[in-house]
Amino acid sequence: MKSVKLFAIAVSAALLMSFGQPTRADHSTFTTQGFNSITAIVWKMDVINLGKIPQGKPVEVAFEFSNEGTDPIVIANVATSCGCTIADYSKMPIKAGEKSLIKATYNAAAVGDFNKAITVTLADNEVKVLYIKGTVIQ
């Protein structure tokens, strides 16, 4: 008898919870400011091959991108994979139709091949990883 009551309670609870779940149609009609906006960042290139570079001489690269969406793009953070690479970026929102740059400077301490990552995080938590690679020579 106890198991029948528990089963009935569980089924009732499941049915009641299902009524509160929105359907796909509910999502398409729900609008708030920014909900239907489009954020689209388009990168000119996401890997830059520096080829052969001299050891101990910093090299700067620039990753160009454009905002092809309807809302401004805000870069929340740019992080590099090591202390040998530093990055600079615009702290201002990039408006729809505008272009901007992520600049990175790599200072090679060791001879040999390298592949360094630059992680770009937008304010909406979208993440893009950019790479610089090449070979350090003496």
C-alpha atoms as a PDB file:
ATOM      1  CA  MET A   1       0.000   0.000   0.000  1.00  0.00           C
ATOM      2  CA  LYS A   2       2.848   2.368   0.865  1.00  0.00           C
ATOM      3  CA  SER A   3       4.526   1.767  -2.490  1.00  0.00           C
ATOM      4  CA  VAL A   4       1.281   2.509  -4.355  1.00  0.00           C
ATOM      5  CA  LYS A   5       0.927   5.832  -2.538  1.00  0.00           C
ATOM      6  CA  LEU A   6       4.577   6.738  -3.229  1.00  0.00           C
ATOM      7  CA  PHE A   7       4.144   5.831  -6.890  1.00  0.00           C
ATOM      8  CA  ALA A   8       0.993   7.975  -7.119  1.00  0.00           C
ATOM      9  CA  ILE A   9       2.765  10.913  -5.486  1.00  0.00           C
ATOM     10  CA  ALA A  10       5.756  10.577  -7.826  1.00  0.00           C
ATOM     11  CA  VAL A  11       3.537  10.469 -10.932  1.00  0.00           C
ATOM     12  CA  SER A  12       1.508  13.459  -9.692  1.00  0.00           C
ATOM     13  CA  ALA A  13       4.655  15.454  -9.021  1.00  0.00           C
ATOM     14  CA  ALA A  14       6.052  14.646 -12.469  1.00  0.00           C
ATOM     15  CA  LEU A  15       2.822  15.747 -14.134  1.00  0.00           C
ATOM     16  CA  LEU A  16       2.670  18.979 -12.165  1.00  0.00           C
ATOM     17  CA  MET A  17       6.301  19.800 -12.977  1.00  0.00           C
ATOM     18  CA  SER A  18       5.741  19.200 -16.703  1.00  0.00           C
ATOM     19  CA  PHE A  19       3.084  21.925 -16.811  1.00  0.00           C
ATOM     20  CA  GLY A  20       5.630  24.550 -15.787  1.00  0.00           C
ATOM     21  CA  GLN A  21       8.118  23.756 -18.569  1.00  0.00           C
ATOM     22  CA  PRO A  22       8.035  26.174 -21.520  1.00  0.00           C
ATOM     23  CA  THR A  23       7.763  24.737 -25.009  1.00  0.00           C
ATOM     24  CA  ARG A  24       9.825  25.824 -28.029  1.00  0.00           C
ATOM     25  CA  ALA A  25       6.910  28.021 -29.133  1.00  0.00           C
ATOM     26  CA  ASP A  26       7.042  29.799 -25.758  1.00  0.00           C
ATOM     27  CA  HIS A  27      10.712  30.719 -26.358  1.00  0.00           C
ATOM     28  CA  SER A  28      10.116  32.220 -29.798  1.00  0.00           C
ATOM     29  CA  THR A  29       7.483  34.602 -28.474  1.00  0.00           C
ATOM     30  CA  PHE A  30       9.439  35.687 -25.402  1.00  0.00           C
ATOM     31  CA  THR A  31      11.186  38.994 -26.064  1.00  0.00           C
ATOM     32  CA  THR A  32      13.278  41.276 -23.935  1.00  0.00           C
ATOM     33  CA  GLN A  33      15.726  43.957 -24.872  1.00  0.00           C
ATOM     34  CA  GLY A  34      18.667  42.231 -26.538  1.00  0.00           C
ATOM     35  CA  PHE A  35      17.019  38.770 -26.672  1.00  0.00           C
ATOM     36  CA  ASN A  36      16.536  38.808 -30.453  1.00  0.00           C
ATOM     37  CA  SER A  37      19.718  40.724 -31.214  1.00  0.00           C
ATOM     38  CA  ILE A  38      22.536  39.224 -33.229  1.00  0.00           C
ATOM     39  CA  THR A  39      26.145  39.265 -32.103  1.00  0.00           C
ATOM     40  CA  ALA A  40      28.460  38.126 -34.871  1.00  0.00           C
ATOM     41  CA  ILE A  41      32.198  38.563 -34.683  1.00  0.00           C
ATOM     42  CA  VAL A  42      34.048  37.711 -37.900  1.00  0.00           C
ATOM     43  CA  TRP A  43      37.817  37.182 -37.719  1.00  0.00           C
ATOM     44  CA  LYS A  44      39.995  38.013 -40.725  1.00  0.00           C
ATOM     45  CA  MET A  45      42.297  35.179 -39.594  1.00  0.00           C
ATOM     46  CA  ASP A  46      42.644  33.215 -36.388  1.00  0.00           C
ATOM     47  CA  VAL A  47      46.154  31.794 -36.931  1.00  0.00           C
ATOM     48  CA  ILE A  48      49.182  33.896 -37.818  1.00  0.00           C
ATOM     49  CA  ASN A  49      52.329  32.089 -38.883  1.00  0.00           C
ATOM     50  CA  LEU A  50      55.339  34.309 -38.225  1.00  0.00           C
ATOM     51  CA  GLY A  51      57.736  31.972 -40.003  1.00  0.00           C
ATOM     52  CA  LYS A  52      61.310  32.342 -38.735  1.00  0.00           C
ATOM     53  CA  ILE A  53      61.851  35.054 -36.129  1.00  0.00           C
ATOM     54  CA  PRO A  54      64.992  36.078 -34.212  1.00  0.00           C
ATOM     55  CA  GLN A  55      65.443  35.044 -30.593  1.00  0.00           C
ATOM     56  CA  GLY A  56      65.033  37.835 -28.020  1.00  0.00           C
ATOM     57  CA  LYS A  57      63.431  40.394 -30.387  1.00  0.00           C
ATOM     58  CA  PRO A  58      59.721  41.000 -29.707  1.00  0.00           C
ATOM     59  CA  VAL A  59      57.377  40.561 -32.663  1.00  0.00           C
ATOM     60  CA  GLU A  60      53.925  42.163 -32.775  1.00  0.00           C
ATOM     61  CA  VAL A  61      50.932  40.746 -34.619  1.00  0.00           C
ATOM     62  CA  ALA A  62      47.368  41.989 -35.027  1.00  0.00           C
ATOM     63  CA  PHE A  63      44.232  39.881 -35.339  1.00  0.00           C
ATOM     64  CA  GLU A  64      41.601  41.931 -37.150  1.00  0.00           C
ATOM     65  CA  PHE A  65      37.896  41.322 -36.633  1.00  0.00           C
ATOM     66  CA  SER A  66      34.624  42.993 -37.497  1.00  0.00           C
ATOM     67  CA  ASN A  67      31.242  43.161 -35.841  1.00  0.00           C
ATOM     68  CA  GLU A  68      28.792  41.805 -38.425  1.00  0.00           C
ATOM     69  CA  GLY A  69      25.927  41.731 -35.919  1.00  0.00           C
ATOM     70  CA  THR A  70      23.355  44.275 -34.828  1.00  0.00           C
ATOM     71  CA  ASP A  71      24.588  44.871 -31.267  1.00  0.00           C
ATOM     72  CA  PRO A  72      27.921  46.128 -29.933  1.00  0.00           C
ATOM     73  CA  ILE A  73      30.579  43.557 -29.067  1.00  0.00           C
ATOM     74  CA  VAL A  74      32.301  43.909 -25.709  1.00  0.00           C
ATOM     75  CA  ILE A  75      35.547  42.083 -25.054  1.00  0.00           C
ATOM     76  CA  ALA A  76      35.594  40.987 -21.429  1.00  0.00           C
ATOM     77  CA  ASN A  77      39.107  39.531 -21.344  1.00  0.00           C
ATOM     78  CA  VAL A  78      42.080  38.490 -23.447  1.00  0.00           C
ATOM     79  CA  ALA A  79      44.454  35.947 -21.911  1.00  0.00           C
ATOM     80  CA  THR A  80      47.718  34.578 -23.289  1.00  0.00           C
ATOM     81  CA  SER A  81      49.119  31.089 -22.816  1.00  0.00           C
ATOM     82  CA  CYS A  82      52.420  32.240 -21.318  1.00  0.00           C
ATOM     83  CA  GLY A  83      54.325  35.224 -19.955  1.00  0.00           C
ATOM     84  CA  CYS A  84      56.301  35.523 -23.194  1.00  0.00           C
ATOM     85  CA  THR A  85      53.184  36.850 -24.952  1.00  0.00           C
ATOM     86  CA  ILE A  86      51.255  39.977 -24.039  1.00  0.00           C
ATOM     87  CA  ALA A  87      47.988  41.140 -25.574  1.00  0.00           C
ATOM     88  CA  ASP A  88      46.251  44.482 -25.977  1.00  0.00           C
ATOM     89  CA  TYR A  89      42.668  45.135 -27.035  1.00  0.00           C
ATOM     90  CA  SER A  90      39.993  47.814 -27.097  1.00  0.00           C
ATOM     91  CA  LYS A  91      38.112  48.163 -23.821  1.00  0.00           C
ATOM     92  CA  MET A  92      35.346  50.088 -25.605  1.00  0.00           C
ATOM     93  CA  PRO A  93      32.358  48.346 -27.233  1.00  0.00           C
ATOM     94  CA  ILE A  94      32.799  47.645 -30.944  1.00  0.00           C
ATOM     95  CA  LYS A  95      29.631  48.858 -32.655  1.00  0.00           C
ATOM     96  CA  ALA A  96      27.814  47.011 -35.420  1.00  0.00           C
ATOM     97  CA  GLY A  97      29.736  47.334 -38.686  1.00  0.00           C
ATOM     98  CA  GLU A  98      32.980  48.423 -37.001  1.00  0.00           C
ATOM     99  CA  LYS A  99      36.366  46.729 -37.083  1.00  0.00           C
ATOM    100  CA  SER A 100      38.940  46.371 -34.329  1.00  0.00           C
ATOM    101  CA  LEU A 101      42.169  44.560 -33.465  1.00  0.00           C
ATOM    102  CA  ILE A 102      43.588  42.232 -30.864  1.00  0.00           C
ATOM    103  CA  LYS A 103      47.310  42.951 -30.745  1.00  0.00           C
ATOM    104  CA  ALA A 104      49.777  40.426 -29.371  1.00  0.00           C
ATOM    105  CA  THR A 105      53.509  40.763 -28.794  1.00  0.00           C
ATOM    106  CA  TYR A 106      55.622  37.624 -28.576  1.00  0.00           C
ATOM    107  CA  ASN A 107      59.130  37.772 -27.106  1.00  0.00           C
ATOM    108  CA  ALA A 108      60.904  34.498 -27.852  1.00  0.00           C
ATOM    109  CA  ALA A 109      63.347  33.348 -25.192  1.00  0.00           C
ATOM    110  CA  ALA A 110      63.964  29.824 -26.484  1.00  0.00           C
ATOM    111  CA  VAL A 111      65.067  28.618 -29.911  1.00  0.00           C
ATOM    112  CA  GLY A 112      62.714  26.255 -31.746  1.00  0.00           C
ATOM    113  CA  ASP A 113      59.121  25.922 -32.900  1.00  0.00           C
ATOM    114  CA  PHE A 114      56.358  27.672 -30.992  1.00  0.00           C
ATOM    115  CA  ASN A 115      52.558  27.780 -30.981  1.00  0.00           C
ATOM    116  CA  LYS A 116      51.065  30.344 -28.584  1.00  0.00           C
ATOM    117  CA  ALA A 117      47.371  30.754 -27.783  1.00  0.00           C
ATOM    118  CA  ILE A 118      45.498  33.989 -27.167  1.00  0.00           C
ATOM    119  CA  THR A 119      42.047  33.388 -25.649  1.00  0.00           C
ATOM    120  CA  VAL A 120      39.454  36.096 -26.292  1.00  0.00           C
ATOM    121  CA  THR A 121      36.361  36.101 -24.062  1.00  0.00           C
ATOM    122  CA  LEU A 122      33.416  38.293 -24.991  1.00  0.00           C
ATOM    123  CA  ALA A 123      30.973  39.753 -22.466  1.00  0.00           C
ATOM    124  CA  ASP A 124      28.371  37.141 -23.504  1.00  0.00           C
ATOM    125  CA  ASN A 125      30.889  34.399 -22.561  1.00  0.00           C
ATOM    126  CA  GLU A 126      31.621  33.457 -26.181  1.00  0.00           C
ATOM    127  CA  VAL A 127      35.258  32.316 -26.398  1.00  0.00           C
ATOM    128  CA  LYS A 128      37.614  32.373 -29.386  1.00  0.00           C
ATOM    129  CA  VAL A 129      41.184  31.078 -29.322  1.00  0.00           C
ATOM    130  CA  LEU A 130      43.675  32.732 -31.659  1.00  0.00           C
ATOM    131  CA  TYR A 131      47.158  31.335 -32.372  1.00  0.00           C
ATOM    132  CA  ILE A 132      50.573  32.660 -33.320  1.00  0.00           C
ATOM    133  CA  LYS A 133      53.158  30.161 -34.444  1.00  0.00           C
ATOM    134  CA  GLY A 134      56.541  29.969 -36.065  1.00  0.00           C
ATOM    135  CA  THR A 135      60.151  29.067 -35.448  1.00  0.00           C
ATOM    136  CA  VAL A 136      62.622  30.996 -33.289  1.00  0.00           C
ATOM    137  CA  ILE A 137      66.175  31.131 -34.675  1.00  0.00           C
ATOM    138  CA  GLN A 138      69.403  32.503 -33.218  1.00  0.00           C
END
